[in-house]
N, C-alpha and C. Protein backbone atom coordinates (compact mmCIF):
# COMPACT_ATOMS: atom_id res chain seq x y z
N MET A 1 0.75 -1.36 -0.11
CA MET A 1 0.10 0.02 0.01
C MET A 1 0.77 1.24 -0.14
N THR A 2 0.77 2.10 -0.79
CA THR A 2 1.55 3.32 -1.02
C THR A 2 0.77 4.55 -0.37
N HIS A 3 1.23 5.26 0.50
CA HIS A 3 0.80 6.53 1.14
C HIS A 3 1.26 7.62 0.60
N SER A 4 0.58 8.69 0.38
CA SER A 4 1.04 10.17 -0.12
C SER A 4 1.64 10.67 0.81
N THR A 5 2.89 11.45 0.51
CA THR A 5 3.66 12.12 1.22
C THR A 5 2.97 13.61 1.32
N SER A 6 1.82 13.89 0.79
CA SER A 6 1.28 15.25 0.48
C SER A 6 0.22 15.63 1.58
N VAL A 7 0.38 14.63 3.07
CA VAL A 7 -0.40 15.09 3.85
C VAL A 7 -0.16 16.60 4.42
N PRO A 8 -1.10 17.51 4.11
CA PRO A 8 -0.69 18.83 4.34
C PRO A 8 -0.51 19.38 5.84
N LEU A 9 0.52 20.17 6.33
CA LEU A 9 0.67 20.52 7.53
C LEU A 9 -0.53 21.84 7.42
N ALA A 10 -0.91 21.94 8.75
CA ALA A 10 -2.03 22.74 9.13
C ALA A 10 -1.67 24.26 8.96
N THR A 11 -2.29 25.11 8.68
CA THR A 11 -2.15 26.55 8.52
C THR A 11 -3.11 27.29 9.56
N GLU A 12 -3.78 26.59 10.25
CA GLU A 12 -4.60 27.11 11.32
C GLU A 12 -4.08 26.20 12.62
N ALA A 13 -3.98 26.79 13.76
CA ALA A 13 -3.78 26.07 14.83
C ALA A 13 -4.77 24.93 15.24
N ALA A 14 -6.18 25.55 14.98
CA ALA A 14 -7.01 24.35 15.28
C ALA A 14 -7.18 23.15 14.52
N GLU A 15 -6.63 23.35 13.34
CA GLU A 15 -6.56 22.19 12.68
C GLU A 15 -5.33 21.21 12.71
N HIS A 16 -4.40 21.75 13.34
CA HIS A 16 -3.21 20.91 13.54
C HIS A 16 -3.40 19.70 14.24
N PRO A 17 -4.11 19.21 15.39
CA PRO A 17 -4.13 18.02 15.72
C PRO A 17 -4.87 17.13 14.73
N HIS A 18 -5.77 17.55 14.13
CA HIS A 18 -6.56 16.81 13.01
C HIS A 18 -5.44 16.34 11.70
N ALA A 19 -4.59 17.50 11.40
CA ALA A 19 -3.65 17.18 10.21
C ALA A 19 -2.87 16.08 10.85
N PHE A 20 -2.33 16.17 12.04
CA PHE A 20 -1.44 15.24 12.57
C PHE A 20 -2.11 13.68 12.65
N ALA A 21 -3.39 13.72 13.02
CA ALA A 21 -4.06 12.29 13.05
C ALA A 21 -4.10 11.97 11.65
N ARG A 22 -4.33 12.73 10.69
CA ARG A 22 -4.27 12.21 9.23
C ARG A 22 -2.79 11.55 8.78
N ALA A 23 -1.87 12.27 9.32
CA ALA A 23 -0.45 11.78 9.16
C ALA A 23 -0.14 10.55 9.71
N PHE A 24 -0.69 10.40 10.97
CA PHE A 24 -0.53 9.20 11.96
C PHE A 24 -1.19 8.21 11.17
N ASN A 25 -2.27 8.24 10.60
CA ASN A 25 -3.09 7.19 10.05
C ASN A 25 -2.63 6.65 8.76
N THR A 26 -1.67 7.40 8.35
CA THR A 26 -0.81 6.69 7.01
C THR A 26 0.10 5.63 7.37
N PHE A 27 0.37 5.51 8.90
CA PHE A 27 1.18 4.53 9.48
C PHE A 27 2.81 4.67 8.87
N ASP A 28 3.12 6.01 8.15
CA ASP A 28 4.33 6.22 7.65
C ASP A 28 5.14 7.11 8.50
N PRO A 29 6.04 6.78 9.46
CA PRO A 29 6.86 7.60 10.17
C PRO A 29 7.44 8.78 9.53
N VAL A 30 7.83 8.74 8.53
CA VAL A 30 8.47 9.86 7.67
C VAL A 30 7.49 11.07 7.44
N ILE A 31 6.25 10.47 7.12
CA ILE A 31 5.15 11.46 7.00
C ILE A 31 4.88 12.12 8.30
N VAL A 32 4.91 11.39 9.39
CA VAL A 32 4.61 11.86 10.88
C VAL A 32 5.64 12.77 11.18
N ASP A 33 6.82 12.45 10.81
CA ASP A 33 7.83 13.30 11.36
C ASP A 33 8.00 14.73 10.65
N ARG A 34 7.36 15.06 9.64
CA ARG A 34 7.07 16.23 9.09
C ARG A 34 6.35 17.25 10.06
N PHE A 35 5.61 16.71 10.90
CA PHE A 35 4.69 17.46 11.76
C PHE A 35 5.54 18.01 12.89
N TYR A 36 6.74 17.89 12.80
CA TYR A 36 7.78 18.41 14.00
C TYR A 36 8.62 19.33 13.57
N GLU A 37 8.85 20.42 14.36
CA GLU A 37 10.20 21.25 14.04
C GLU A 37 11.44 20.15 14.18
N PRO A 38 12.41 20.40 13.36
CA PRO A 38 13.71 19.77 13.37
C PRO A 38 14.24 19.44 14.78
N ALA A 39 14.10 20.38 15.74
CA ALA A 39 14.44 20.25 17.16
C ALA A 39 13.30 19.73 18.18
N GLY A 40 12.18 19.42 17.40
CA GLY A 40 10.85 19.27 18.41
C GLY A 40 11.08 17.84 18.98
N VAL A 41 10.41 17.84 20.26
CA VAL A 41 10.79 16.46 20.84
C VAL A 41 9.39 15.81 20.84
N PHE A 42 9.50 14.52 21.16
CA PHE A 42 8.34 13.52 21.59
C PHE A 42 8.48 12.91 22.72
N VAL A 43 7.43 12.55 23.33
CA VAL A 43 7.36 11.83 24.79
C VAL A 43 6.93 10.58 24.30
N PRO A 44 7.88 9.60 24.15
CA PRO A 44 7.15 7.95 24.00
C PRO A 44 6.90 7.62 25.22
N GLN A 45 7.04 7.74 26.45
CA GLN A 45 6.67 7.26 27.89
C GLN A 45 6.93 8.37 28.80
N PRO A 46 6.11 8.65 29.77
CA PRO A 46 6.17 9.64 30.72
C PRO A 46 7.78 9.79 31.20
N GLY A 47 8.29 10.97 31.11
CA GLY A 47 9.56 11.30 31.65
C GLY A 47 10.77 11.02 30.81
N VAL A 48 10.32 10.54 29.45
CA VAL A 48 11.44 10.50 28.51
C VAL A 48 11.05 11.15 27.22
N THR A 49 12.08 12.03 26.79
CA THR A 49 12.02 12.79 25.61
C THR A 49 13.07 12.49 24.59
N VAL A 50 12.51 12.55 23.06
CA VAL A 50 13.39 12.22 22.10
C VAL A 50 13.22 13.04 21.00
N SER A 51 14.30 13.36 20.14
CA SER A 51 14.10 14.25 19.17
C SER A 51 15.13 13.65 17.77
N GLY A 52 14.93 14.19 16.87
CA GLY A 52 15.61 13.76 15.50
C GLY A 52 15.34 12.26 15.28
N LEU A 53 16.40 11.56 15.03
CA LEU A 53 16.36 10.03 14.41
C LEU A 53 15.58 9.15 15.70
N GLU A 54 15.88 9.68 16.81
CA GLU A 54 15.21 8.86 18.02
C GLU A 54 13.63 9.09 17.95
N ARG A 55 13.43 10.31 17.75
CA ARG A 55 12.04 10.79 17.75
C ARG A 55 11.28 9.85 16.50
N LEU A 56 11.85 9.74 15.25
CA LEU A 56 11.43 9.15 14.23
C LEU A 56 11.26 7.65 14.55
N ALA A 57 12.16 7.15 15.19
CA ALA A 57 12.08 5.76 15.62
C ALA A 57 11.05 5.37 16.59
N ALA A 58 10.92 6.52 17.61
CA ALA A 58 9.89 5.98 18.67
C ALA A 58 8.41 6.14 18.05
N ASN A 59 8.23 7.13 17.24
CA ASN A 59 6.88 7.23 16.37
C ASN A 59 6.70 5.77 15.45
N ALA A 60 7.91 5.55 15.01
CA ALA A 60 7.60 4.30 14.21
C ALA A 60 7.15 3.12 14.95
N ARG A 61 7.64 3.09 16.25
CA ARG A 61 7.18 1.77 17.01
C ARG A 61 5.65 1.73 17.26
N PHE A 62 5.11 3.09 17.48
CA PHE A 62 3.58 3.27 17.54
C PHE A 62 2.87 2.87 16.35
N LEU A 63 3.65 3.31 15.18
CA LEU A 63 2.92 3.21 13.79
C LEU A 63 3.05 1.54 13.35
N GLU A 64 3.78 0.95 14.03
CA GLU A 64 3.98 -0.38 13.56
C GLU A 64 2.80 -1.23 13.99
N TRP A 65 2.07 -0.57 14.90
CA TRP A 65 0.81 -1.45 15.37
C TRP A 65 -0.37 -1.27 14.22
N ARG A 66 -0.12 -0.26 13.48
CA ARG A 66 -1.25 -0.10 12.24
C ARG A 66 -2.53 0.06 12.75
N VAL A 67 -2.70 0.65 13.78
CA VAL A 67 -4.06 0.96 14.50
C VAL A 67 -4.31 2.59 14.52
N PRO A 68 -5.40 2.97 13.87
CA PRO A 68 -5.58 4.50 13.70
C PRO A 68 -5.70 5.16 15.09
N ILE A 69 -5.61 6.57 14.95
CA ILE A 69 -5.62 7.35 16.29
C ILE A 69 -6.91 8.37 15.87
N ARG A 70 -7.64 8.56 16.70
CA ARG A 70 -8.88 9.49 16.77
C ARG A 70 -8.62 10.60 17.90
N VAL A 71 -8.66 11.82 17.31
CA VAL A 71 -8.43 12.97 18.27
C VAL A 71 -9.58 13.89 18.38
N ALA A 72 -9.66 14.54 19.61
CA ALA A 72 -10.59 15.40 20.05
C ALA A 72 -10.17 16.57 20.83
N PRO A 73 -9.52 17.61 20.19
CA PRO A 73 -9.11 18.86 20.89
C PRO A 73 -10.03 19.35 21.78
N ARG A 74 -9.45 19.41 23.03
CA ARG A 74 -10.32 19.83 24.27
C ARG A 74 -10.10 21.54 24.23
N HIS A 75 -8.72 21.91 24.33
CA HIS A 75 -8.53 23.33 24.16
C HIS A 75 -7.29 23.58 23.37
N ILE A 76 -7.45 24.83 22.70
CA ILE A 76 -6.10 25.31 22.08
C ILE A 76 -6.03 26.73 22.25
N TYR A 77 -4.83 27.06 22.91
CA TYR A 77 -4.54 28.34 23.23
C TYR A 77 -3.33 28.84 22.32
N VAL A 78 -3.62 30.06 21.73
CA VAL A 78 -2.56 30.63 20.75
C VAL A 78 -2.19 31.93 21.37
N SER A 79 -0.69 32.10 21.38
CA SER A 79 -0.26 33.31 21.48
C SER A 79 0.93 33.57 20.52
N GLY A 80 0.60 34.49 19.51
CA GLY A 80 1.51 34.75 18.37
C GLY A 80 1.69 33.47 17.53
N ASP A 81 2.91 32.97 17.56
CA ASP A 81 3.34 31.89 16.66
C ASP A 81 3.44 30.55 17.59
N LEU A 82 3.06 30.70 18.94
CA LEU A 82 2.78 29.53 19.53
C LEU A 82 1.58 29.01 20.03
N ALA A 83 1.47 27.91 20.40
CA ALA A 83 0.01 27.21 20.74
C ALA A 83 0.28 26.00 21.70
N LEU A 84 -0.53 25.99 22.64
CA LEU A 84 -0.70 25.05 23.67
C LEU A 84 -1.92 24.13 23.23
N PHE A 85 -1.70 22.89 22.90
CA PHE A 85 -2.72 21.91 22.69
C PHE A 85 -3.15 20.77 23.65
N ILE A 86 -4.28 20.93 24.00
CA ILE A 86 -4.92 19.77 25.02
C ILE A 86 -5.71 19.02 24.22
N VAL A 87 -5.46 17.84 23.88
CA VAL A 87 -6.08 17.03 23.11
C VAL A 87 -6.25 15.53 23.45
N ASP A 88 -7.63 15.22 23.54
CA ASP A 88 -7.91 13.83 23.99
C ASP A 88 -7.89 12.87 22.65
N TYR A 89 -7.15 11.69 23.01
CA TYR A 89 -6.99 10.85 21.84
C TYR A 89 -7.13 9.44 22.20
N VAL A 90 -7.41 8.73 21.26
CA VAL A 90 -7.64 7.18 21.41
C VAL A 90 -6.90 6.49 20.24
N ILE A 91 -6.00 5.52 20.44
CA ILE A 91 -5.45 4.68 19.46
C ILE A 91 -6.03 3.17 19.81
N GLU A 92 -6.99 2.66 18.95
CA GLU A 92 -7.72 1.57 19.48
C GLU A 92 -7.93 0.63 18.25
N GLY A 93 -7.60 -0.45 18.29
CA GLY A 93 -8.21 -1.46 17.26
C GLY A 93 -7.18 -2.85 17.58
N THR A 94 -6.98 -3.50 16.34
CA THR A 94 -6.24 -4.85 16.33
C THR A 94 -4.89 -4.54 15.44
N THR A 95 -3.94 -4.87 15.97
CA THR A 95 -2.81 -5.06 15.11
C THR A 95 -2.88 -6.02 14.18
N PRO A 96 -1.76 -6.03 12.98
CA PRO A 96 -1.72 -7.28 12.27
C PRO A 96 -1.59 -8.61 12.65
N ALA A 97 -1.02 -8.69 13.89
CA ALA A 97 -0.62 -9.96 14.58
C ALA A 97 -1.76 -10.18 15.42
N ASP A 98 -3.18 -9.61 15.15
CA ASP A 98 -4.21 -9.76 15.89
C ASP A 98 -4.27 -9.61 17.27
N GLU A 99 -3.50 -8.45 17.73
CA GLU A 99 -3.23 -8.24 19.11
C GLU A 99 -4.12 -6.92 19.38
N PRO A 100 -4.92 -6.91 20.49
CA PRO A 100 -5.65 -5.62 20.74
C PRO A 100 -4.77 -4.55 21.23
N VAL A 101 -5.02 -3.38 20.95
CA VAL A 101 -4.54 -2.14 21.29
C VAL A 101 -5.39 -1.17 21.76
N ARG A 102 -5.17 -0.47 23.04
CA ARG A 102 -5.96 0.54 23.22
C ARG A 102 -4.96 1.39 24.03
N LEU A 103 -4.79 2.59 23.63
CA LEU A 103 -4.06 3.63 24.14
C LEU A 103 -4.78 4.94 24.01
N ALA A 104 -5.19 5.49 25.35
CA ALA A 104 -5.93 6.78 25.32
C ALA A 104 -5.46 7.73 26.28
N GLY A 105 -5.73 8.90 26.23
CA GLY A 105 -5.20 9.93 27.05
C GLY A 105 -5.37 11.19 26.58
N THR A 106 -5.01 12.28 27.36
CA THR A 106 -5.11 13.68 26.89
C THR A 106 -3.69 14.18 26.91
N ALA A 107 -3.47 14.57 25.69
CA ALA A 107 -1.90 14.99 25.31
C ALA A 107 -2.00 16.56 25.67
N THR A 108 -0.83 17.03 26.23
CA THR A 108 -0.37 18.40 26.34
C THR A 108 0.74 18.66 25.46
N ASP A 109 0.41 19.30 24.40
CA ASP A 109 1.54 19.54 23.25
C ASP A 109 1.67 21.00 23.12
N VAL A 110 2.70 21.45 22.69
CA VAL A 110 3.26 22.82 22.33
C VAL A 110 3.69 22.77 20.72
N GLY A 111 3.01 23.76 19.95
CA GLY A 111 3.30 23.89 18.53
C GLY A 111 3.78 25.28 18.27
N ARG A 112 4.31 25.41 17.07
CA ARG A 112 4.77 26.59 16.76
C ARG A 112 4.45 26.69 15.20
N CYS A 113 4.08 28.05 14.72
CA CYS A 113 3.69 28.33 13.39
C CYS A 113 4.98 28.76 12.80
N GLY A 114 5.48 28.18 11.84
CA GLY A 114 6.84 28.43 11.16
C GLY A 114 6.73 29.64 10.12
N SER A 115 7.80 30.08 9.54
CA SER A 115 7.83 31.35 8.75
C SER A 115 7.03 30.90 7.49
N ASP A 116 6.80 29.63 7.18
CA ASP A 116 6.06 29.24 5.96
C ASP A 116 4.46 29.25 6.37
N GLY A 117 4.14 29.49 7.47
CA GLY A 117 2.84 29.78 7.81
C GLY A 117 2.20 28.31 8.25
N ARG A 118 2.95 27.29 8.39
CA ARG A 118 2.50 26.07 8.75
C ARG A 118 2.92 25.68 10.30
N TRP A 119 1.89 24.76 11.09
CA TRP A 119 2.24 24.39 12.53
C TRP A 119 2.81 23.17 12.43
N ARG A 120 3.94 23.11 13.50
CA ARG A 120 4.48 21.78 13.65
C ARG A 120 4.73 21.74 15.15
N TYR A 121 4.97 20.52 15.85
CA TYR A 121 5.01 20.23 17.19
C TYR A 121 6.43 20.79 17.52
N VAL A 122 6.61 21.50 18.67
CA VAL A 122 7.84 21.69 19.31
C VAL A 122 8.14 20.68 20.44
N ILE A 123 6.94 20.42 21.18
CA ILE A 123 6.75 19.18 22.12
C ILE A 123 5.49 18.50 21.78
N ASP A 124 5.65 17.27 21.74
CA ASP A 124 4.61 16.49 21.34
C ASP A 124 4.60 15.24 22.87
N ASN A 125 3.64 15.56 23.81
CA ASN A 125 3.56 14.83 24.93
C ASN A 125 2.23 14.26 25.00
N PRO A 126 2.27 12.99 24.37
CA PRO A 126 0.63 12.40 24.46
C PRO A 126 0.21 11.84 25.90
N PHE A 127 1.37 11.83 27.08
CA PHE A 127 0.93 11.55 28.20
C PHE A 127 0.61 12.58 29.01
N GLY A 128 0.43 14.04 28.50
CA GLY A 128 -0.17 15.11 29.18
C GLY A 128 0.64 15.26 30.59
N VAL A 129 -0.33 15.06 31.82
CA VAL A 129 0.34 15.39 32.99
C VAL A 129 0.70 14.01 33.78
N ALA A 130 0.85 13.03 33.08
CA ALA A 130 1.17 11.57 33.73
C ALA A 130 2.61 11.80 34.50
N ARG A 131 2.80 11.36 35.65
CA ARG A 131 4.05 11.81 36.57
C ARG A 131 5.02 10.59 35.76
N PRO A 132 6.30 10.94 35.81
CA PRO A 132 7.32 9.94 35.51
C PRO A 132 7.53 8.85 36.61
N PRO A 133 7.95 7.60 36.00
CA PRO A 133 8.07 6.63 37.19
C PRO A 133 8.94 7.29 37.96
N GLY A 134 8.83 6.82 39.58
CA GLY A 134 9.65 7.19 40.45
C GLY A 134 10.91 5.98 40.48
N LYS A 135 11.88 6.27 41.36
CA LYS A 135 12.96 5.32 41.43
C LYS A 135 12.51 4.02 41.78
N GLY A 136 12.90 2.97 41.01
CA GLY A 136 12.60 1.59 41.26
C GLY A 136 11.04 1.27 40.67
N GLU A 137 10.40 2.11 39.91
CA GLU A 137 8.97 1.86 39.53
C GLU A 137 9.20 1.85 37.84
N SER A 138 8.54 1.12 37.19
CA SER A 138 8.57 0.85 35.75
C SER A 138 7.57 1.70 35.21
N PRO A 139 7.83 2.28 34.07
CA PRO A 139 6.87 3.15 33.25
C PRO A 139 5.76 2.43 32.95
N GLY A 140 4.52 2.83 32.79
CA GLY A 140 3.25 2.65 32.39
C GLY A 140 3.03 1.42 33.24
């Protein structure tokens, strides 16, 4: 199955979470990575941040499930070229290996509108305010 690389970046902050979901649902990590600033960070688990090639690889692990995401923005606060996104999401379905997946939460994300008028993540934190594991605890 071939996916288009033309999932457009949003020109309005309110559209950014939906555009990201369309990119996520291609299951192509390269397409998803276009939705981040070059130095943008992704939080693949509470207390852990990755960027660059590590960000691409971390997103690829979620995309390997081949289970679509649904988003419902709760609040979007914009100040100039910055935005805070509070977004409820659900990744739910069955993997190609017939394993059930359900990951749901409220993301707390920061985006920036670039000089090209397109929104990208500076910080993509799908775990919102979840606290990082303490010493001796395992994440999740």
